[in-house]
Amino acid sequence: MLEMKSACENCQQALAQKAEAYICSYECTFCRSCTDNFDTICPNCDGLLTRRPPRPAPRADSSSTASLGE
């Protein structure tokens, strides 16, 4: 499961789970301003930075997600 990091790895700006954030395939995480400064290229791995997908709201029946980790 995708780790929803809570801060930009470059400037330490707080990033709420629903905030606009950008990640590479290694889950390096950056705010929009830093991503723009990096021209959407991760400074750690040279991978493409893309918009982090939002995490869906929890379902009323949480038992349906219990088997995802199995």
Protein backbone atom coordinates (compact mmCIF):
# COMPACT_ATOMS: atom_id res chain seq x y z
CA MET A 1 0.00 0.00 0.00
CA LEU A 2 1.20 3.50 -0.82
CA GLU A 3 2.76 5.31 2.13
CA MET A 4 1.11 8.73 2.47
CA LYS A 5 4.07 10.79 3.71
CA SER A 6 3.13 13.86 5.71
CA ALA A 7 5.85 16.30 4.58
CA CYS A 8 7.75 17.36 1.47
CA GLU A 9 11.17 15.71 1.44
CA ASN A 10 12.80 18.91 0.21
CA CYS A 11 11.26 21.85 2.10
CA GLN A 12 9.46 19.96 4.90
CA GLN A 13 6.09 21.61 4.08
CA ALA A 14 3.28 19.69 5.76
CA LEU A 15 1.23 17.57 3.35
CA ALA A 16 -2.18 16.41 4.52
CA GLN A 17 -3.41 13.12 3.05
CA LYS A 18 -5.75 15.02 0.73
CA ALA A 19 -3.17 17.70 -0.13
CA GLU A 20 -1.69 18.04 -3.60
CA ALA A 21 1.58 16.14 -3.50
CA TYR A 22 3.84 14.48 -6.07
CA ILE A 23 5.63 11.13 -5.90
CA CYS A 24 8.05 9.07 -7.97
CA SER A 25 7.93 5.28 -8.35
CA TYR A 26 9.98 4.96 -5.14
CA GLU A 27 7.43 7.10 -3.25
CA CYS A 28 9.75 10.07 -2.76
CA THR A 29 7.26 12.81 -1.89
CA PHE A 30 7.32 16.53 -2.72
CA CYS A 31 5.01 19.53 -2.59
CA ARG A 32 3.88 21.21 -5.80
CA SER A 33 6.32 24.11 -5.47
CA CYS A 34 9.35 21.84 -5.12
CA THR A 35 8.08 19.58 -7.92
CA ASP A 36 7.83 22.62 -10.20
CA ASN A 37 11.37 23.64 -9.22
CA PHE A 38 12.59 20.13 -10.08
CA ASP A 39 10.81 20.21 -13.48
CA THR A 40 8.85 17.10 -12.36
CA ILE A 41 12.03 15.00 -12.09
CA CYS A 42 12.80 13.37 -8.74
CA PRO A 43 16.14 14.67 -7.41
CA ASN A 44 16.76 11.35 -5.65
CA CYS A 45 16.28 8.84 -8.48
CA ASP A 46 15.70 10.92 -11.66
CA GLY A 47 12.23 9.37 -11.98
CA LEU A 48 9.13 11.22 -13.10
CA LEU A 49 7.16 12.96 -10.35
CA THR A 50 3.42 12.49 -10.76
CA ARG A 51 0.43 13.57 -8.70
CA ARG A 52 -0.07 11.38 -5.66
CA PRO A 53 -3.44 9.62 -5.83
CA PRO A 54 -5.90 10.44 -3.07
CA ARG A 55 -6.71 7.77 -0.52
CA PRO A 56 -10.38 6.81 -0.71
CA ALA A 57 -12.65 7.41 2.27
CA PRO A 58 -13.02 4.38 4.54
CA ARG A 59 -15.90 2.10 3.65
CA ALA A 60 -18.74 1.53 6.06
CA ASP A 61 -17.96 -2.21 5.94
CA SER A 62 -14.25 -2.29 6.80
CA SER A 63 -14.16 -6.12 6.67
CA SER A 64 -14.02 -5.94 2.86
CA THR A 65 -10.53 -4.34 3.03
CA ALA A 66 -9.19 -6.78 5.64
CA SER A 67 -8.11 -9.27 2.97
CA LEU A 68 -6.05 -6.76 0.95
CA GLY A 69 -2.87 -7.50 2.89
CA GLU A 70 -3.25 -11.25 2.66
